[in-house]
Amino acid sequence: MILYGKPVAEALCQGIREDIESLPGVVPTLCIVRLGEDPSDLAYERGICKRADSVGVAVQKRLLPADCTREALLAAIDQLNHDESVHGVLLFRPLPKHLRPCQAEIFNALAPAKDVDGMTDGSAAGIFLGTGAGFAPCTPSACMQMLDHYQIDPCGRRTVVIGRSPVVGKPLAMLLLARHATVTVCHTRTKDLPEEAKRAELLIACAGSAGLVGADCVGPETIVLDVGVNWQDGKYVGDVRFDEVEPVATAITPVPGGVGAVTTATLLRHVVTAAMRQNRREA
């Protein structure tokens, strides 16, 4: 079975429209903060704007030069923190190289209530402690949306997450634990990765390593989510060798067209949820 992302995104968008109707007089608003003109950032921005327009989420843009100073970026974030018309802020990452030494300071300057892509320590603490505060990064959240849509309950399942990044692997492991999965975290330095992976009933590949997972990593009852997006030989490929794994696994997501197709809708879901929370506090 192939688990496509399109129907998941469509269901999410329908729920977003319904929630916006319950917010009379409030237009959920996302502000994109972009530094420079990176082509991948521009492509992501176009996708966000197109989907946002289709569901009724407003998008503002704060465009800064690629050589923007630390002080200028912090000032822009502070202004957005105090702008009550903006409910969520998305800062495109990675930051330019000259800002990376101070990226922790920059990320944590954003108010966690507006951190709709889980980049602040406050959001990370909310995920780790299970308090529900803040938001998880959009890609791990999109994985959970995929599982829910296809009625794959992680409760009690032997689950292997291949990847340990703070943006995907680590928060995803915490989200799965909160849903009572039994989680093992592996990575590219795990000894005998196929042996570890093959024990999984649910296998999620998010190491950012093209073709890392082959048929030797899965069994006939394994459900595979491929989160990897790698540019190889002129096309996007996942961390999973799809043609090799698909005949073996019970179910698998494609790349492209799988989890990635749900990420933008998940971002907008976070923006609307943030608007609803902020509206309740103001009421």
Protein backbone atom coordinates (compact mmCIF):
# COMPACT_ATOMS: atom_id res chain seq x y z
CA MET A 1 0.00 0.00 0.00
CA ILE A 2 1.32 3.45 -0.90
CA LEU A 3 0.54 6.20 1.61
CA TYR A 4 0.12 9.37 -0.41
CA GLY A 5 0.29 12.78 1.23
CA LYS A 6 -2.23 14.58 -0.96
CA PRO A 7 -5.42 13.25 0.71
CA VAL A 8 -3.92 13.97 4.13
CA ALA A 9 -3.17 17.56 3.16
CA GLU A 10 -6.66 17.99 1.70
CA ALA A 11 -8.28 16.74 4.91
CA LEU A 12 -6.08 19.07 6.97
CA CYS A 13 -7.01 22.03 4.78
CA GLN A 14 -10.72 21.29 5.16
CA GLY A 15 -10.31 21.30 8.94
CA ILE A 16 -8.40 24.57 8.74
CA ARG A 17 -11.21 26.22 6.77
CA GLU A 18 -13.76 25.08 9.34
CA ASP A 19 -11.71 26.43 12.24
CA ILE A 20 -11.22 29.78 10.51
CA GLU A 21 -15.00 30.08 10.23
CA SER A 22 -15.15 29.76 14.02
CA LEU A 23 -12.91 32.85 14.39
CA PRO A 24 -15.17 35.71 13.32
CA GLY A 25 -13.25 38.93 12.90
CA VAL A 26 -9.86 37.18 13.11
CA VAL A 27 -7.72 36.42 10.07
CA PRO A 28 -5.02 33.90 11.01
CA THR A 29 -1.79 35.44 9.80
CA LEU A 30 1.65 33.99 9.14
CA CYS A 31 4.73 36.16 8.67
CA ILE A 32 7.57 34.65 6.67
CA VAL A 33 11.02 35.97 7.53
CA ARG A 34 13.40 35.31 4.65
CA LEU A 35 17.04 36.31 4.35
CA GLY A 36 18.26 36.57 0.79
CA GLU A 37 16.97 34.82 -2.34
CA ASP A 38 17.81 31.16 -1.87
CA PRO A 39 15.95 29.20 -4.60
CA SER A 40 14.72 26.50 -2.19
CA ASP A 41 13.38 29.18 0.17
CA LEU A 42 11.60 30.90 -2.71
CA ALA A 43 10.03 27.63 -3.85
CA TYR A 44 8.83 26.83 -0.31
CA GLU A 45 7.48 30.36 0.04
CA ARG A 46 5.48 30.06 -3.17
CA GLY A 47 4.00 26.77 -1.98
CA ILE A 48 3.03 28.29 1.37
CA CYS A 49 1.40 31.33 -0.21
CA LYS A 50 -0.59 29.25 -2.69
CA ARG A 51 -1.95 26.89 -0.04
CA ALA A 52 -2.54 29.69 2.47
CA ASP A 53 -4.64 31.56 -0.07
CA SER A 54 -6.73 28.43 -0.66
CA VAL A 55 -7.67 28.07 3.03
CA GLY A 56 -7.96 31.70 4.13
CA VAL A 57 -4.69 32.22 6.00
CA ALA A 58 -3.02 35.59 5.37
CA VAL A 59 0.71 35.70 4.67
CA GLN A 60 3.00 38.63 5.34
CA LYS A 61 6.66 38.72 4.37
CA ARG A 62 9.61 40.28 6.13
CA LEU A 63 12.41 40.19 3.57
CA LEU A 64 15.95 40.93 4.68
CA PRO A 65 19.24 40.82 2.76
CA ALA A 66 21.41 37.73 2.96
CA ASP A 67 24.09 39.79 4.71
CA CYS A 68 21.60 41.02 7.32
CA THR A 69 23.19 41.74 10.69
CA ARG A 70 22.35 39.93 13.91
CA GLU A 71 20.96 43.18 15.30
CA ALA A 72 18.66 43.80 12.34
CA LEU A 73 17.25 40.26 12.44
CA LEU A 74 16.68 40.40 16.21
CA ALA A 75 14.91 43.75 15.80
CA ALA A 76 12.61 42.29 13.13
CA ILE A 77 11.75 39.32 15.36
CA ASP A 78 11.07 41.58 18.34
CA GLN A 79 8.72 43.70 16.25
CA LEU A 80 6.80 40.60 15.14
CA ASN A 81 6.55 39.39 18.74
CA HIS A 82 4.65 42.58 19.58
CA ASP A 83 2.52 42.68 16.43
CA GLU A 84 -0.88 41.36 17.51
CA SER A 85 -2.00 40.95 13.91
CA VAL A 86 0.65 38.24 13.35
CA HIS A 87 -0.15 34.86 14.91
CA GLY A 88 2.73 32.77 13.61
CA VAL A 89 6.27 33.43 12.39
CA LEU A 90 8.33 31.22 10.09
CA LEU A 91 12.04 32.01 9.89
CA PHE A 92 13.60 30.21 6.94
CA ARG A 93 16.52 28.01 7.88
CA PRO A 94 19.39 27.41 7.65
CA LEU A 95 20.53 30.93 8.42
CA PRO A 96 23.36 32.49 6.40
CA LYS A 97 26.76 31.29 7.61
CA HIS A 98 27.71 34.55 9.34
CA LEU A 99 24.66 34.26 11.63
CA ARG A 100 24.99 30.60 12.59
CA PRO A 101 27.30 31.22 15.58
CA CYS A 102 24.44 33.15 17.21
CA GLN A 103 21.52 31.13 15.85
CA ALA A 104 20.43 29.89 19.30
CA GLU A 105 20.01 33.49 20.44
CA ILE A 106 18.13 34.34 17.24
CA PHE A 107 15.80 31.34 17.43
CA ASN A 108 14.97 31.94 21.08
CA ALA A 109 14.22 35.60 20.49
CA LEU A 110 10.90 34.52 18.95
CA ALA A 111 7.93 34.26 21.29
CA PRO A 112 7.12 30.52 21.65
CA ALA A 113 3.41 31.26 21.14
CA LYS A 114 4.25 32.40 17.58
CA ASP A 115 6.85 29.71 16.91
CA VAL A 116 4.85 27.62 14.44
CA ASP A 117 7.85 25.56 13.26
CA GLY A 118 9.27 24.52 16.62
CA MET A 119 12.60 26.33 16.56
CA THR A 120 12.67 27.76 20.11
CA ASP A 121 13.82 26.04 23.28
CA GLY A 122 10.34 26.72 24.69
CA SER A 123 8.73 24.66 21.94
CA ALA A 124 11.29 21.88 22.42
CA ALA A 125 10.57 21.80 26.15
CA GLY A 126 6.84 21.56 25.44
CA ILE A 127 7.43 18.52 23.21
CA PHE A 128 9.87 16.87 25.60
CA LEU A 129 7.67 17.38 28.67
CA GLY A 130 4.42 16.74 26.84
CA THR A 131 2.82 19.97 28.10
CA GLY A 132 1.23 20.89 24.77
CA ALA A 133 2.94 24.29 24.85
CA GLY A 134 4.33 25.63 21.61
CA PHE A 135 4.50 23.59 18.41
CA ALA A 136 6.59 20.73 17.13
CA PRO A 137 8.51 21.33 13.90
CA CYS A 138 6.23 20.90 10.92
CA THR A 139 7.83 17.76 9.46
CA PRO A 140 7.47 15.59 12.60
CA SER A 141 3.94 16.93 13.00
CA ALA A 142 3.23 15.98 9.38
CA CYS A 143 4.37 12.42 10.13
CA MET A 144 1.86 12.20 12.95
CA GLN A 145 -0.85 13.58 10.66
CA MET A 146 -0.01 10.84 8.14
CA LEU A 147 -0.36 8.15 10.80
CA ASP A 148 -3.67 9.54 12.04
CA HIS A 149 -5.15 9.90 8.56
CA TYR A 150 -4.33 6.31 7.62
CA GLN A 151 -5.47 5.07 11.05
CA ILE A 152 -2.04 3.76 12.01
CA ASP A 153 -2.01 3.84 15.78
CA PRO A 154 1.58 4.00 17.12
CA CYS A 155 0.46 2.84 20.59
CA GLY A 156 2.54 -0.17 21.60
CA ARG A 157 4.22 -0.53 18.20
CA ARG A 158 7.92 -1.26 17.95
CA THR A 159 9.04 1.93 16.22
CA VAL A 160 12.45 2.79 14.80
CA VAL A 161 13.31 6.38 13.91
CA ILE A 162 16.42 6.61 11.74
CA GLY A 163 17.68 10.14 12.28
CA ARG A 164 18.50 12.30 15.30
CA SER A 165 18.32 15.88 14.09
CA PRO A 166 16.72 18.49 16.37
CA VAL A 167 14.36 19.40 13.53
CA VAL A 168 12.98 15.93 12.71
CA GLY A 169 14.34 12.85 14.43
CA LYS A 170 14.46 13.95 18.06
CA PRO A 171 11.09 15.75 18.21
CA LEU A 172 9.46 12.94 16.22
CA ALA A 173 10.69 10.40 18.78
CA MET A 174 9.10 12.50 21.54
CA LEU A 175 5.79 12.78 19.68
CA LEU A 176 5.72 9.02 19.19
CA LEU A 177 6.54 8.37 22.84
CA ALA A 178 3.65 10.64 23.80
CA ARG A 179 1.43 8.30 21.78
CA HIS A 180 2.82 5.27 23.63
CA ALA A 181 5.00 3.87 20.85
CA THR A 182 8.07 1.88 21.87
CA VAL A 183 10.77 3.96 20.21
CA THR A 184 14.34 3.18 19.19
CA VAL A 185 16.39 5.99 17.66
CA CYS A 186 19.06 4.97 15.14
CA HIS A 187 21.30 6.99 12.83
CA THR A 188 23.98 6.66 10.18
CA ARG A 189 26.55 5.47 12.77
CA THR A 190 24.34 2.76 14.26
CA LYS A 191 26.10 -0.60 14.15
CA ASP A 192 24.20 -3.15 12.06
CA LEU A 193 21.45 -0.72 11.12
CA PRO A 194 19.48 -3.31 9.07
CA GLU A 195 19.26 -5.62 12.08
CA GLU A 196 17.95 -2.81 14.31
CA ALA A 197 15.55 -1.50 11.67
CA LYS A 198 14.11 -4.87 10.76
CA ARG A 199 12.62 -5.26 14.24
CA ALA A 200 10.33 -2.30 13.60
CA GLU A 201 6.62 -2.48 12.96
CA LEU A 202 6.82 1.24 12.15
CA LEU A 203 10.01 2.53 10.50
CA ILE A 204 10.56 6.24 9.92
CA ALA A 205 13.61 7.28 7.89
CA CYS A 206 14.71 10.88 8.43
CA ALA A 207 18.52 10.80 8.34
CA GLY A 208 18.88 12.88 5.18
CA SER A 209 20.93 10.14 3.51
CA ALA A 210 19.76 9.08 0.07
CA GLY A 211 19.01 5.37 -0.24
CA LEU A 212 20.10 4.54 3.30
CA VAL A 213 17.21 2.11 3.87
CA GLY A 214 16.92 -0.96 1.68
CA ALA A 215 14.92 -4.17 1.67
CA ASP A 216 17.28 -5.62 4.28
CA CYS A 217 15.90 -3.06 6.78
CA VAL A 218 12.23 -4.05 6.57
CA GLY A 219 9.97 -7.04 7.04
CA PRO A 220 6.59 -7.96 5.57
CA GLU A 221 4.71 -6.23 8.42
CA THR A 222 6.71 -3.00 8.40
CA ILE A 223 5.05 0.38 7.74
CA VAL A 224 7.60 2.82 6.33
CA LEU A 225 7.48 6.62 6.40
CA ASP A 226 10.23 8.16 4.28
CA VAL A 227 10.94 11.71 5.40
CA GLY A 228 14.20 12.14 3.50
CA VAL A 229 14.36 14.63 0.65
CA ASN A 230 17.65 14.38 -1.24
CA TRP A 231 18.60 15.78 -4.64
CA GLN A 232 20.28 13.02 -6.60
CA ASP A 233 20.86 12.56 -10.32
CA GLY A 234 18.54 15.42 -11.18
CA LYS A 235 15.58 14.32 -9.08
CA TYR A 236 14.34 14.19 -5.50
CA VAL A 237 14.75 10.86 -3.74
CA GLY A 238 14.12 9.73 -0.19
CA ASP A 239 16.20 7.95 2.41
CA VAL A 240 14.46 4.73 1.36
CA ARG A 241 15.16 2.80 -1.82
CA PHE A 242 11.49 2.82 -2.79
CA ASP A 243 11.56 0.33 -5.66
CA GLU A 244 13.38 -2.17 -3.45
CA VAL A 245 11.37 -1.67 -0.25
CA GLU A 246 7.82 -1.17 -1.60
CA PRO A 247 7.30 -4.82 -2.61
CA VAL A 248 8.35 -5.99 0.88
CA ALA A 249 6.74 -3.50 3.26
CA THR A 250 3.08 -3.42 4.29
CA ALA A 251 2.85 0.29 3.45
CA ILE A 252 5.24 3.06 2.41
CA THR A 253 5.23 6.77 1.63
CA PRO A 254 6.69 7.92 -1.69
CA VAL A 255 9.20 10.74 -2.27
CA PRO A 256 8.01 13.10 -3.56
CA GLY A 257 4.30 12.96 -2.81
CA GLY A 258 4.39 11.58 0.72
CA VAL A 259 5.17 13.32 4.01
CA GLY A 260 6.52 16.40 2.24
CA ALA A 261 3.12 17.04 0.68
CA VAL A 262 1.65 17.38 4.18
CA THR A 263 4.26 19.74 5.65
CA THR A 264 2.87 23.02 4.30
CA ALA A 265 -0.68 22.14 5.38
CA THR A 266 0.71 21.29 8.83
CA LEU A 267 2.39 24.70 9.02
CA LEU A 268 -0.94 26.41 8.30
CA ARG A 269 -2.65 24.14 10.83
CA HIS A 270 -0.19 25.47 13.42
CA VAL A 271 -0.86 29.08 12.41
CA VAL A 272 -4.61 28.66 12.84
CA THR A 273 -4.16 26.88 16.17
CA ALA A 274 -1.90 29.73 17.33
CA ALA A 275 -4.56 32.26 16.29
CA MET A 276 -7.22 30.34 18.20
CA ARG A 277 -5.05 30.21 21.33
CA GLN A 278 -4.21 33.90 21.15
CA ASN A 279 -7.84 34.80 20.52
CA ARG A 280 -8.91 32.86 23.63
CA ARG A 281 -6.38 34.70 25.76
CA GLU A 282 -7.62 38.06 24.50
CA ALA A 283 -11.31 37.22 25.00
